[in-house]
Amino acid sequence: MKLLKLVPDDTNIKFLKWRAPFFIVSILLIAASWALVFTKGLNYGVDFAGGLEVRATFTQSTQAPVSELREKVEELGYGSPVVQRFGADNQVSIRVRLPDEVSADKEAAQQAANQIVSTLQGEYSDFRLDGNDNVSGKVSGEFRQTAIYALLAAMAAIAVYIWIRFEWQFGVGALFALFHDVSLTLGMFSLLQMEFSLQIIAAILAIIGYSLNDTIVVYDRIRENLKKFRKMPLPELLDLSVNETLARTVMTSLTLFVALIPLLFFGPASLFGMVAGITLGLFVGTYSSVYMAAPILVWLGVTSDSFIPAESVADKQDKLARGEV
């Protein structure tokens, strides 16, 4: 009895045939994404923009009314708060953004905290304040800087790793693919003005990891085929390599997507941004492994001699000169 296969054996899709149009589209999307980031900006959450966090416990309840709390705090005029369970099910963390002038003034920030606490204590008799913290603009700015350094360090380390494992052209290709994935993710958050917090940084790091994993699988097959098919034109060899890894790529992507669907539609609101970012990264990471990481090898001059020791290439050239080959 044959098992159902999502990808037939021996596929022969000419991916590289459309490498130039897809590459141009990708460049335009990257440019549009950064244009959105620089003009429209990102909707920074409390972690990056400064604000207030209130921690509380509902002493007579087994679960905190997260949705109701979100509505009550939003009615106070502090925008869309981030309300999520913190520790036990009856414990919550309430985070709200404050205007810069309020966040910088400790007294004004404390007044805002007192207003939130007094309102919720009036609505819920078992509301117990466990503490509150004010994240100043200076601290949030340091968070943003550290997050940027973390992303850049991750991408640089990945490029160096691939450079050492393969060749420098592969490192450039992987780095460009990662830059493409991160750019489009930032563009989505800027376009939709979804809250950009430390959770989203974690999502971007997950996207980098997924994209890298998919790219390395393709690169491994390319390296094997470069050694096996010495005289095959590089575009045909890249098509062959991508087709040979296509079943694995589709199954990996589909499995992850199936796991993300329940979180995307039925998960808590506090996780929606992170899950949406990973979902987008799933698609752009798969796309970039095929139409970014692979085609760029053609333009960077990878050949069948890329994985042959230099002395072997020199010997071959000497033999050609002497007419022995």
C-alpha atoms as a PDB file:
ATOM      1  CA  MET A   1       0.000   0.000   0.000  1.00  0.00           C
ATOM      2  CA  LYS A   2       1.544   3.299  -1.104  1.00  0.00           C
ATOM      3  CA  LEU A   3       1.710   6.141   1.345  1.00  0.00           C
ATOM      4  CA  LEU A   4       0.403   9.554   0.348  1.00  0.00           C
ATOM      5  CA  LYS A   5       3.265  11.786  -0.775  1.00  0.00           C
ATOM      6  CA  LEU A   6       2.940  15.547  -0.765  1.00  0.00           C
ATOM      7  CA  VAL A   7       5.909  15.854  -3.120  1.00  0.00           C
ATOM      8  CA  PRO A   8       6.330  13.215  -5.860  1.00  0.00           C
ATOM      9  CA  ASP A   9       9.654  11.500  -6.360  1.00  0.00           C
ATOM     10  CA  ASP A  10      12.010  12.878  -8.992  1.00  0.00           C
ATOM     11  CA  THR A  11      10.462  16.326  -9.305  1.00  0.00           C
ATOM     12  CA  ASN A  12      12.049  18.485 -11.964  1.00  0.00           C
ATOM     13  CA  ILE A  13      10.832  22.025 -11.274  1.00  0.00           C
ATOM     14  CA  LYS A  14      12.935  24.710 -12.977  1.00  0.00           C
ATOM     15  CA  PHE A  15      13.288  27.033  -9.976  1.00  0.00           C
ATOM     16  CA  LEU A  16      16.345  28.857 -11.314  1.00  0.00           C
ATOM     17  CA  LYS A  17      14.585  29.712 -14.576  1.00  0.00           C
ATOM     18  CA  TRP A  18      12.804  32.546 -12.756  1.00  0.00           C
ATOM     19  CA  ARG A  19      15.682  33.568 -10.497  1.00  0.00           C
ATOM     20  CA  ALA A  20      16.082  37.095 -11.932  1.00  0.00           C
ATOM     21  CA  PRO A  21      12.389  38.177 -11.663  1.00  0.00           C
ATOM     22  CA  PHE A  22      12.037  36.717  -8.167  1.00  0.00           C
ATOM     23  CA  PHE A  23      15.288  38.321  -7.069  1.00  0.00           C
ATOM     24  CA  ILE A  24      14.104  41.723  -8.312  1.00  0.00           C
ATOM     25  CA  VAL A  25      10.781  41.292  -6.489  1.00  0.00           C
ATOM     26  CA  SER A  26      12.649  40.367  -3.300  1.00  0.00           C
ATOM     27  CA  ILE A  27      14.886  43.445  -3.570  1.00  0.00           C
ATOM     28  CA  LEU A  28      11.798  45.633  -3.990  1.00  0.00           C
ATOM     29  CA  LEU A  29      10.137  44.007  -0.955  1.00  0.00           C
ATOM     30  CA  ILE A  30      13.250  44.574   1.142  1.00  0.00           C
ATOM     31  CA  ALA A  31      13.371  48.221   0.076  1.00  0.00           C
ATOM     32  CA  ALA A  32       9.654  48.671   0.802  1.00  0.00           C
ATOM     33  CA  SER A  33      10.026  47.027   4.221  1.00  0.00           C
ATOM     34  CA  TRP A  34      12.833  49.341   5.301  1.00  0.00           C
ATOM     35  CA  ALA A  35      10.989  52.347   3.861  1.00  0.00           C
ATOM     36  CA  LEU A  36       8.051  51.453   6.109  1.00  0.00           C
ATOM     37  CA  VAL A  37      10.327  51.007   9.125  1.00  0.00           C
ATOM     38  CA  PHE A  38      11.996  54.404   8.621  1.00  0.00           C
ATOM     39  CA  THR A  39       8.840  56.343   7.724  1.00  0.00           C
ATOM     40  CA  LYS A  40       6.016  54.677   9.620  1.00  0.00           C
ATOM     41  CA  GLY A  41       8.169  53.199  12.363  1.00  0.00           C
ATOM     42  CA  LEU A  42       7.551  50.243  14.648  1.00  0.00           C
ATOM     43  CA  ASN A  43       4.883  50.134  17.328  1.00  0.00           C
ATOM     44  CA  TYR A  44       7.236  49.548  20.248  1.00  0.00           C
ATOM     45  CA  GLY A  45       5.851  47.833  23.316  1.00  0.00           C
ATOM     46  CA  VAL A  46       6.655  48.632  26.922  1.00  0.00           C
ATOM     47  CA  ASP A  47      10.013  46.864  26.701  1.00  0.00           C
ATOM     48  CA  PHE A  48      11.269  49.191  23.971  1.00  0.00           C
ATOM     49  CA  ALA A  49       9.221  52.366  24.414  1.00  0.00           C
ATOM     50  CA  GLY A  50       9.038  52.661  28.184  1.00  0.00           C
ATOM     51  CA  GLY A  51       5.946  52.282  30.315  1.00  0.00           C
ATOM     52  CA  LEU A  52       4.433  50.709  33.367  1.00  0.00           C
ATOM     53  CA  GLU A  53       4.047  47.128  34.594  1.00  0.00           C
ATOM     54  CA  VAL A  54       1.583  46.142  37.319  1.00  0.00           C
ATOM     55  CA  ARG A  55       1.673  42.642  38.847  1.00  0.00           C
ATOM     56  CA  ALA A  56      -1.339  41.328  40.730  1.00  0.00           C
ATOM     57  CA  THR A  57      -3.002  38.206  42.132  1.00  0.00           C
ATOM     58  CA  PHE A  58      -6.720  37.369  42.274  1.00  0.00           C
ATOM     59  CA  THR A  59      -6.820  35.721  45.681  1.00  0.00           C
ATOM     60  CA  GLN A  60     -10.278  34.143  45.433  1.00  0.00           C
ATOM     61  CA  SER A  61     -10.153  33.001  41.805  1.00  0.00           C
ATOM     62  CA  THR A  62      -8.445  30.114  40.095  1.00  0.00           C
ATOM     63  CA  GLN A  63      -7.954  32.113  36.912  1.00  0.00           C
ATOM     64  CA  ALA A  64      -7.399  35.802  36.276  1.00  0.00           C
ATOM     65  CA  PRO A  65      -9.962  37.472  33.942  1.00  0.00           C
ATOM     66  CA  VAL A  66      -7.390  38.460  31.339  1.00  0.00           C
ATOM     67  CA  SER A  67      -9.812  39.690  28.640  1.00  0.00           C
ATOM     68  CA  GLU A  68     -11.830  41.784  31.105  1.00  0.00           C
ATOM     69  CA  LEU A  69      -8.663  43.304  32.553  1.00  0.00           C
ATOM     70  CA  ARG A  70      -7.500  44.285  29.099  1.00  0.00           C
ATOM     71  CA  GLU A  71     -10.798  46.066  28.431  1.00  0.00           C
ATOM     72  CA  LYS A  72     -10.857  47.823  31.820  1.00  0.00           C
ATOM     73  CA  VAL A  73      -7.312  49.165  31.489  1.00  0.00           C
ATOM     74  CA  GLU A  74      -7.859  50.216  27.862  1.00  0.00           C
ATOM     75  CA  GLU A  75     -10.860  52.295  28.960  1.00  0.00           C
ATOM     76  CA  LEU A  76      -8.483  54.382  31.090  1.00  0.00           C
ATOM     77  CA  GLY A  77      -6.876  55.771  27.943  1.00  0.00           C
ATOM     78  CA  TYR A  78      -3.460  54.100  28.010  1.00  0.00           C
ATOM     79  CA  GLY A  79      -3.803  52.410  24.638  1.00  0.00           C
ATOM     80  CA  SER A  80      -3.794  48.639  24.183  1.00  0.00           C
ATOM     81  CA  PRO A  81      -2.300  47.072  27.325  1.00  0.00           C
ATOM     82  CA  VAL A  82      -0.436  43.762  27.374  1.00  0.00           C
ATOM     83  CA  VAL A  83      -2.165  41.539  29.933  1.00  0.00           C
ATOM     84  CA  GLN A  84      -0.889  38.006  30.433  1.00  0.00           C
ATOM     85  CA  ARG A  85      -0.784  35.377  33.132  1.00  0.00           C
ATOM     86  CA  PHE A  86       2.379  35.571  35.155  1.00  0.00           C
ATOM     87  CA  GLY A  87       3.242  32.480  37.204  1.00  0.00           C
ATOM     88  CA  ALA A  88       0.034  30.884  38.468  1.00  0.00           C
ATOM     89  CA  ASP A  89      -3.249  31.109  36.548  1.00  0.00           C
ATOM     90  CA  ASN A  90      -4.620  33.659  39.010  1.00  0.00           C
ATOM     91  CA  GLN A  91      -1.579  35.945  38.686  1.00  0.00           C
ATOM     92  CA  VAL A  92      -1.261  38.552  35.960  1.00  0.00           C
ATOM     93  CA  SER A  93       1.175  41.058  34.559  1.00  0.00           C
ATOM     94  CA  ILE A  94      -0.386  44.242  33.148  1.00  0.00           C
ATOM     95  CA  ARG A  95       1.865  46.366  30.952  1.00  0.00           C
ATOM     96  CA  VAL A  96       0.878  49.705  29.456  1.00  0.00           C
ATOM     97  CA  ARG A  97       2.749  52.246  27.396  1.00  0.00           C
ATOM     98  CA  LEU A  98       3.055  55.723  28.819  1.00  0.00           C
ATOM     99  CA  PRO A  99       3.801  58.992  27.008  1.00  0.00           C
ATOM    100  CA  ASP A 100       7.500  59.868  27.108  1.00  0.00           C
ATOM    101  CA  GLU A 101       6.955  62.819  29.426  1.00  0.00           C
ATOM    102  CA  VAL A 102       4.985  60.642  31.862  1.00  0.00           C
ATOM    103  CA  SER A 103       7.425  57.725  31.700  1.00  0.00           C
ATOM    104  CA  ALA A 104      10.350  60.042  32.454  1.00  0.00           C
ATOM    105  CA  ASP A 105       8.565  61.530  35.501  1.00  0.00           C
ATOM    106  CA  LYS A 106       8.528  59.024  38.377  1.00  0.00           C
ATOM    107  CA  GLU A 107       5.736  60.853  40.185  1.00  0.00           C
ATOM    108  CA  ALA A 108       3.510  60.962  37.089  1.00  0.00           C
ATOM    109  CA  ALA A 109       4.227  57.303  36.377  1.00  0.00           C
ATOM    110  CA  GLN A 110       3.286  56.383  39.937  1.00  0.00           C
ATOM    111  CA  GLN A 111       0.034  58.313  39.612  1.00  0.00           C
ATOM    112  CA  ALA A 112      -0.783  56.313  36.487  1.00  0.00           C
ATOM    113  CA  ALA A 113      -0.046  53.095  38.366  1.00  0.00           C
ATOM    114  CA  ASN A 114      -2.260  54.189  41.262  1.00  0.00           C
ATOM    115  CA  GLN A 115      -5.117  54.964  38.856  1.00  0.00           C
ATOM    116  CA  ILE A 116      -4.914  51.500  37.278  1.00  0.00           C
ATOM    117  CA  VAL A 117      -4.678  49.752  40.650  1.00  0.00           C
ATOM    118  CA  SER A 118      -7.523  51.712  42.267  1.00  0.00           C
ATOM    119  CA  THR A 119      -9.769  51.105  39.239  1.00  0.00           C
ATOM    120  CA  LEU A 120      -9.160  47.360  39.278  1.00  0.00           C
ATOM    121  CA  GLN A 121      -9.498  47.114  43.052  1.00  0.00           C
ATOM    122  CA  GLY A 122     -12.879  48.803  42.724  1.00  0.00           C
ATOM    123  CA  GLU A 123     -13.960  46.290  40.071  1.00  0.00           C
ATOM    124  CA  TYR A 124     -12.539  43.140  41.698  1.00  0.00           C
ATOM    125  CA  SER A 125     -12.694  42.645  45.456  1.00  0.00           C
ATOM    126  CA  ASP A 126     -10.017  39.932  45.410  1.00  0.00           C
ATOM    127  CA  PHE A 127      -7.490  42.024  43.431  1.00  0.00           C
ATOM    128  CA  ARG A 128      -4.184  42.099  45.316  1.00  0.00           C
ATOM    129  CA  LEU A 129      -1.319  44.284  44.137  1.00  0.00           C
ATOM    130  CA  ASP A 130       1.991  42.394  44.122  1.00  0.00           C
ATOM    131  CA  GLY A 131       4.122  45.234  42.778  1.00  0.00           C
ATOM    132  CA  ASN A 132       4.638  47.689  39.952  1.00  0.00           C
ATOM    133  CA  ASP A 133       7.641  48.869  37.943  1.00  0.00           C
ATOM    134  CA  ASN A 134       8.251  51.781  35.656  1.00  0.00           C
ATOM    135  CA  VAL A 135      10.418  51.181  32.571  1.00  0.00           C
ATOM    136  CA  SER A 136      12.009  54.513  31.704  1.00  0.00           C
ATOM    137  CA  GLY A 137      12.807  55.661  28.208  1.00  0.00           C
ATOM    138  CA  LYS A 138      16.535  55.305  28.896  1.00  0.00           C
ATOM    139  CA  VAL A 139      16.197  51.660  29.934  1.00  0.00           C
ATOM    140  CA  SER A 140      13.908  50.872  26.992  1.00  0.00           C
ATOM    141  CA  GLY A 141      16.437  52.490  24.661  1.00  0.00           C
ATOM    142  CA  GLU A 142      19.119  50.188  26.064  1.00  0.00           C
ATOM    143  CA  PHE A 143      16.786  47.228  25.432  1.00  0.00           C
ATOM    144  CA  ARG A 144      16.415  48.272  21.784  1.00  0.00           C
ATOM    145  CA  GLN A 145      20.157  48.637  21.369  1.00  0.00           C
ATOM    146  CA  THR A 146      20.853  45.264  22.967  1.00  0.00           C
ATOM    147  CA  ALA A 147      18.203  43.590  20.795  1.00  0.00           C
ATOM    148  CA  ILE A 148      19.766  45.020  17.623  1.00  0.00           C
ATOM    149  CA  TYR A 149      23.209  43.823  18.713  1.00  0.00           C
ATOM    150  CA  ALA A 150      21.789  40.346  19.402  1.00  0.00           C
ATOM    151  CA  LEU A 151      20.268  40.086  15.921  1.00  0.00           C
ATOM    152  CA  LEU A 152      23.410  41.379  14.191  1.00  0.00           C
ATOM    153  CA  ALA A 153      25.638  39.054  16.229  1.00  0.00           C
ATOM    154  CA  ALA A 154      23.454  36.045  15.386  1.00  0.00           C
ATOM    155  CA  MET A 155      23.506  36.825  11.669  1.00  0.00           C
ATOM    156  CA  ALA A 156      27.265  37.476  11.640  1.00  0.00           C
ATOM    157  CA  ALA A 157      28.034  34.260  13.537  1.00  0.00           C
ATOM    158  CA  ILE A 158      25.877  32.279  11.110  1.00  0.00           C
ATOM    159  CA  ALA A 159      27.642  33.811   8.093  1.00  0.00           C
ATOM    160  CA  VAL A 160      31.071  32.972   9.538  1.00  0.00           C
ATOM    161  CA  TYR A 161      29.983  29.412  10.329  1.00  0.00           C
ATOM    162  CA  ILE A 162      28.724  28.804   6.791  1.00  0.00           C
ATOM    163  CA  TRP A 163      31.823  30.480   5.339  1.00  0.00           C
ATOM    164  CA  ILE A 164      34.051  28.055   7.259  1.00  0.00           C
ATOM    165  CA  ARG A 165      31.907  25.005   6.530  1.00  0.00           C
ATOM    166  CA  PHE A 166      31.434  25.737   2.818  1.00  0.00           C
ATOM    167  CA  GLU A 167      32.968  28.661   0.886  1.00  0.00           C
ATOM    168  CA  TRP A 168      32.711  32.423   1.268  1.00  0.00           C
ATOM    169  CA  GLN A 169      30.071  32.597  -1.490  1.00  0.00           C
ATOM    170  CA  PHE A 170      27.803  30.362   0.571  1.00  0.00           C
ATOM    171  CA  GLY A 171      28.272  32.606   3.611  1.00  0.00           C
ATOM    172  CA  VAL A 172      27.262  35.665   1.580  1.00  0.00           C
ATOM    173  CA  GLY A 173      24.238  33.814   0.191  1.00  0.00           C
ATOM    174  CA  ALA A 174      23.059  32.698   3.633  1.00  0.00           C
ATOM    175  CA  LEU A 175      23.562  36.165   5.115  1.00  0.00           C
ATOM    176  CA  PHE A 176      21.583  37.783   2.313  1.00  0.00           C
ATOM    177  CA  ALA A 177      18.764  35.252   2.758  1.00  0.00           C
ATOM    178  CA  LEU A 178      18.647  36.005   6.497  1.00  0.00           C
ATOM    179  CA  PHE A 179      18.662  39.755   5.828  1.00  0.00           C
ATOM    180  CA  HIS A 180      15.740  39.219   3.427  1.00  0.00           C
ATOM    181  CA  ASP A 181      13.745  37.261   6.033  1.00  0.00           C
ATOM    182  CA  VAL A 182      14.351  39.747   8.857  1.00  0.00           C
ATOM    183  CA  SER A 183      13.581  42.741   6.614  1.00  0.00           C
ATOM    184  CA  LEU A 184      10.222  41.359   5.480  1.00  0.00           C
ATOM    185  CA  THR A 185       9.278  40.492   9.062  1.00  0.00           C
ATOM    186  CA  LEU A 186      10.070  44.027  10.247  1.00  0.00           C
ATOM    187  CA  GLY A 187       8.132  45.380   7.272  1.00  0.00           C
ATOM    188  CA  MET A 188       5.047  43.393   8.276  1.00  0.00           C
ATOM    189  CA  PHE A 189       5.166  44.713  11.851  1.00  0.00           C
ATOM    190  CA  SER A 190       5.605  48.270  10.605  1.00  0.00           C
ATOM    191  CA  LEU A 191       2.791  47.982   8.039  1.00  0.00           C
ATOM    192  CA  LEU A 192       0.270  46.458  10.462  1.00  0.00           C
ATOM    193  CA  GLN A 193       1.565  48.411  13.485  1.00  0.00           C
ATOM    194  CA  MET A 194       1.537  45.269  15.612  1.00  0.00           C
ATOM    195  CA  GLU A 195       3.254  45.660  18.965  1.00  0.00           C
ATOM    196  CA  PHE A 196       6.992  45.113  18.718  1.00  0.00           C
ATOM    197  CA  SER A 197       8.373  43.713  21.975  1.00  0.00           C
ATOM    198  CA  LEU A 198      11.033  41.355  23.281  1.00  0.00           C
ATOM    199  CA  GLN A 199       8.754  38.473  22.249  1.00  0.00           C
ATOM    200  CA  ILE A 200       9.109  39.589  18.640  1.00  0.00           C
ATOM    201  CA  ILE A 201      12.896  39.578  18.966  1.00  0.00           C
ATOM    202  CA  ALA A 202      12.585  35.968  20.093  1.00  0.00           C
ATOM    203  CA  ALA A 203      10.382  35.289  17.039  1.00  0.00           C
ATOM    204  CA  ILE A 204      12.971  36.841  14.702  1.00  0.00           C
ATOM    205  CA  LEU A 205      15.719  34.720  16.244  1.00  0.00           C
ATOM    206  CA  ALA A 206      13.509  31.663  15.665  1.00  0.00           C
ATOM    207  CA  ILE A 207      13.046  32.746  12.035  1.00  0.00           C
ATOM    208  CA  ILE A 208      16.819  33.077  11.642  1.00  0.00           C
ATOM    209  CA  GLY A 209      17.272  29.574  13.047  1.00  0.00           C
ATOM    210  CA  TYR A 210      14.628  28.058  10.778  1.00  0.00           C
ATOM    211  CA  SER A 211      15.893  29.823   7.668  1.00  0.00           C
ATOM    212  CA  LEU A 212      19.462  28.798   8.445  1.00  0.00           C
ATOM    213  CA  ASN A 213      18.443  25.169   8.911  1.00  0.00           C
ATOM    214  CA  ASP A 214      16.642  25.077   5.568  1.00  0.00           C
ATOM    215  CA  THR A 215      19.486  26.883   3.793  1.00  0.00           C
ATOM    216  CA  ILE A 216      22.137  24.506   5.134  1.00  0.00           C
ATOM    217  CA  VAL A 217      20.144  21.476   3.957  1.00  0.00           C
ATOM    218  CA  VAL A 218      20.050  22.929   0.430  1.00  0.00           C
ATOM    219  CA  TYR A 219      23.719  23.943   0.595  1.00  0.00           C
ATOM    220  CA  ASP A 220      24.770  20.459   1.727  1.00  0.00           C
ATOM    221  CA  ARG A 221      23.067  18.920  -1.276  1.00  0.00           C
ATOM    222  CA  ILE A 222      24.616  21.516  -3.591  1.00  0.00           C
ATOM    223  CA  ARG A 223      28.065  20.695  -2.241  1.00  0.00           C
ATOM    224  CA  GLU A 224      27.495  16.970  -2.738  1.00  0.00           C
ATOM    225  CA  ASN A 225      26.292  17.493  -6.291  1.00  0.00           C
ATOM    226  CA  LEU A 226      29.184  19.825  -7.125  1.00  0.00           C
ATOM    227  CA  LYS A 227      31.519  16.939  -6.343  1.00  0.00           C
ATOM    228  CA  LYS A 228      29.352  14.376  -8.120  1.00  0.00           C
ATOM    229  CA  PHE A 229      28.389  16.213 -11.318  1.00  0.00           C
ATOM    230  CA  ARG A 230      31.534  18.091 -12.282  1.00  0.00           C
ATOM    231  CA  LYS A 231      30.448  19.047 -15.797  1.00  0.00           C
ATOM    232  CA  MET A 232      26.814  19.953 -15.104  1.00  0.00           C
ATOM    233  CA  PRO A 233      25.995  23.682 -15.594  1.00  0.00           C
ATOM    234  CA  LEU A 234      25.535  25.377 -12.236  1.00  0.00           C
ATOM    235  CA  PRO A 235      21.882  26.496 -12.766  1.00  0.00           C
ATOM    236  CA  GLU A 236      20.904  22.919 -13.615  1.00  0.00           C
ATOM    237  CA  LEU A 237      22.835  21.607 -10.628  1.00  0.00           C
ATOM    238  CA  LEU A 238      21.087  24.082  -8.304  1.00  0.00           C
ATOM    239  CA  ASP A 239      17.693  23.051  -9.687  1.00  0.00           C
ATOM    240  CA  LEU A 240      18.608  19.406  -9.098  1.00  0.00           C
ATOM    241  CA  SER A 241      19.713  20.115  -5.517  1.00  0.00           C
ATOM    242  CA  VAL A 242      16.585  22.087  -4.648  1.00  0.00           C
ATOM    243  CA  ASN A 243      14.343  19.405  -6.140  1.00  0.00           C
ATOM    244  CA  GLU A 244      16.146  16.676  -4.206  1.00  0.00           C
ATOM    245  CA  THR A 245      15.536  18.510  -0.910  1.00  0.00           C
ATOM    246  CA  LEU A 246      12.019  19.685  -1.821  1.00  0.00           C
ATOM    247  CA  ALA A 247      10.169  16.847  -0.049  1.00  0.00           C
ATOM    248  CA  ARG A 248      12.053  17.470   3.171  1.00  0.00           C
ATOM    249  CA  THR A 249      11.485  21.233   2.932  1.00  0.00           C
ATOM    250  CA  VAL A 250       7.730  20.868   2.324  1.00  0.00           C
ATOM    251  CA  MET A 251       7.260  18.371   5.161  1.00  0.00           C
ATOM    252  CA  THR A 252       9.232  20.494   7.639  1.00  0.00           C
ATOM    253  CA  SER A 253       7.368  23.663   6.707  1.00  0.00           C
ATOM    254  CA  LEU A 254       3.968  21.968   6.740  1.00  0.00           C
ATOM    255  CA  THR A 255       4.583  20.336  10.124  1.00  0.00           C
ATOM    256  CA  LEU A 256       5.557  23.651  11.679  1.00  0.00           C
ATOM    257  CA  PHE A 257       2.629  25.445  10.043  1.00  0.00           C
ATOM    258  CA  VAL A 258       0.143  22.884  11.393  1.00  0.00           C
ATOM    259  CA  ALA A 259       1.543  23.504  14.878  1.00  0.00           C
ATOM    260  CA  LEU A 260       1.233  27.282  14.442  1.00  0.00           C
ATOM    261  CA  ILE A 261      -2.379  27.367  13.195  1.00  0.00           C
ATOM    262  CA  PRO A 262      -4.036  26.704  16.608  1.00  0.00           C
ATOM    263  CA  LEU A 263      -1.835  29.329  18.259  1.00  0.00           C
ATOM    264  CA  LEU A 264      -2.523  31.823  15.490  1.00  0.00           C
ATOM    265  CA  PHE A 265      -6.327  31.543  15.646  1.00  0.00           C
ATOM    266  CA  PHE A 266      -7.037  30.317  19.174  1.00  0.00           C
ATOM    267  CA  GLY A 267      -3.953  31.258  21.178  1.00  0.00           C
ATOM    268  CA  PRO A 268      -3.799  34.091  23.737  1.00  0.00           C
ATOM    269  CA  ALA A 269      -3.699  37.628  22.389  1.00  0.00           C
ATOM    270  CA  SER A 270      -0.367  38.239  24.114  1.00  0.00           C
ATOM    271  CA  LEU A 271       1.275  35.639  21.832  1.00  0.00           C
ATOM    272  CA  PHE A 272      -0.379  36.659  18.563  1.00  0.00           C
ATOM    273  CA  GLY A 273       2.423  38.955  17.418  1.00  0.00           C
ATOM    274  CA  MET A 274       5.128  36.388  18.053  1.00  0.00           C
ATOM    275  CA  VAL A 275       3.181  33.591  16.331  1.00  0.00           C
ATOM    276  CA  ALA A 276       2.321  35.840  13.363  1.00  0.00           C
ATOM    277  CA  GLY A 277       6.000  36.724  12.998  1.00  0.00           C
ATOM    278  CA  ILE A 278       7.084  33.082  13.049  1.00  0.00           C
ATOM    279  CA  THR A 279       4.339  32.166  10.550  1.00  0.00           C
ATOM    280  CA  LEU A 280       5.515  34.815   8.100  1.00  0.00           C
ATOM    281  CA  GLY A 281       9.116  33.748   8.700  1.00  0.00           C
ATOM    282  CA  LEU A 282       8.172  30.163   7.881  1.00  0.00           C
ATOM    283  CA  PHE A 283       7.111  31.144   4.376  1.00  0.00           C
ATOM    284  CA  VAL A 284       9.782  33.741   3.620  1.00  0.00           C
ATOM    285  CA  GLY A 285      12.485  31.464   5.070  1.00  0.00           C
ATOM    286  CA  THR A 286      11.472  28.630   2.752  1.00  0.00           C
ATOM    287  CA  TYR A 287      11.251  31.026  -0.190  1.00  0.00           C
ATOM    288  CA  SER A 288      14.643  32.623   0.507  1.00  0.00           C
ATOM    289  CA  SER A 289      16.396  29.256   0.686  1.00  0.00           C
ATOM    290  CA  VAL A 290      15.296  28.598  -2.907  1.00  0.00           C
ATOM    291  CA  TYR A 291      15.268  32.028  -4.553  1.00  0.00           C
ATOM    292  CA  MET A 292      17.842  33.945  -2.478  1.00  0.00           C
ATOM    293  CA  ALA A 293      20.460  31.574  -1.090  1.00  0.00           C
ATOM    294  CA  ALA A 294      20.732  29.336  -4.176  1.00  0.00           C
ATOM    295  CA  PRO A 295      20.670  31.761  -7.154  1.00  0.00           C
ATOM    296  CA  ILE A 296      23.213  34.110  -5.588  1.00  0.00           C
ATOM    297  CA  LEU A 297      25.797  31.324  -5.937  1.00  0.00           C
ATOM    298  CA  VAL A 298      25.535  31.666  -9.731  1.00  0.00           C
ATOM    299  CA  TRP A 299      26.295  35.381  -9.599  1.00  0.00           C
ATOM    300  CA  LEU A 300      29.154  34.891  -7.112  1.00  0.00           C
ATOM    301  CA  GLY A 301      30.927  32.454  -9.401  1.00  0.00           C
ATOM    302  CA  VAL A 302      30.702  29.122  -7.568  1.00  0.00           C
ATOM    303  CA  THR A 303      32.137  26.313  -9.737  1.00  0.00           C
ATOM    304  CA  SER A 304      32.724  22.578  -9.515  1.00  0.00           C
ATOM    305  CA  ASP A 305      36.283  23.346  -8.358  1.00  0.00           C
ATOM    306  CA  SER A 306      35.056  25.201  -5.244  1.00  0.00           C
ATOM    307  CA  PHE A 307      35.414  22.098  -3.047  1.00  0.00           C
ATOM    308  CA  ILE A 308      38.605  20.724  -4.578  1.00  0.00           C
ATOM    309  CA  PRO A 309      41.883  21.475  -2.758  1.00  0.00           C
ATOM    310  CA  ALA A 310      43.893  24.228  -4.412  1.00  0.00           C
ATOM    311  CA  GLU A 311      46.830  21.909  -5.167  1.00  0.00           C
ATOM    312  CA  SER A 312      44.475  19.520  -7.020  1.00  0.00           C
ATOM    313  CA  VAL A 313      43.269  22.372  -9.217  1.00  0.00           C
ATOM    314  CA  ALA A 314      46.877  23.393  -9.879  1.00  0.00           C
ATOM    315  CA  ASP A 315      47.830  19.818 -10.799  1.00  0.00           C
ATOM    316  CA  LYS A 316      44.888  19.646 -13.175  1.00  0.00           C
ATOM    317  CA  GLN A 317      45.967  22.882 -14.855  1.00  0.00           C
ATOM    318  CA  ASP A 318      49.545  21.565 -15.225  1.00  0.00           C
ATOM    319  CA  LYS A 319      48.249  18.380 -16.832  1.00  0.00           C
ATOM    320  CA  LEU A 320      46.110  20.408 -19.215  1.00  0.00           C
ATOM    321  CA  ALA A 321      49.141  22.486 -20.156  1.00  0.00           C
ATOM    322  CA  ARG A 322      51.196  19.345 -20.836  1.00  0.00           C
ATOM    323  CA  GLY A 323      48.336  17.803 -22.826  1.00  0.00           C
ATOM    324  CA  GLU A 324      47.947  14.898 -20.392  1.00  0.00           C
ATOM    325  CA  VAL A 325      44.240  15.492 -19.884  1.00  0.00           C
END
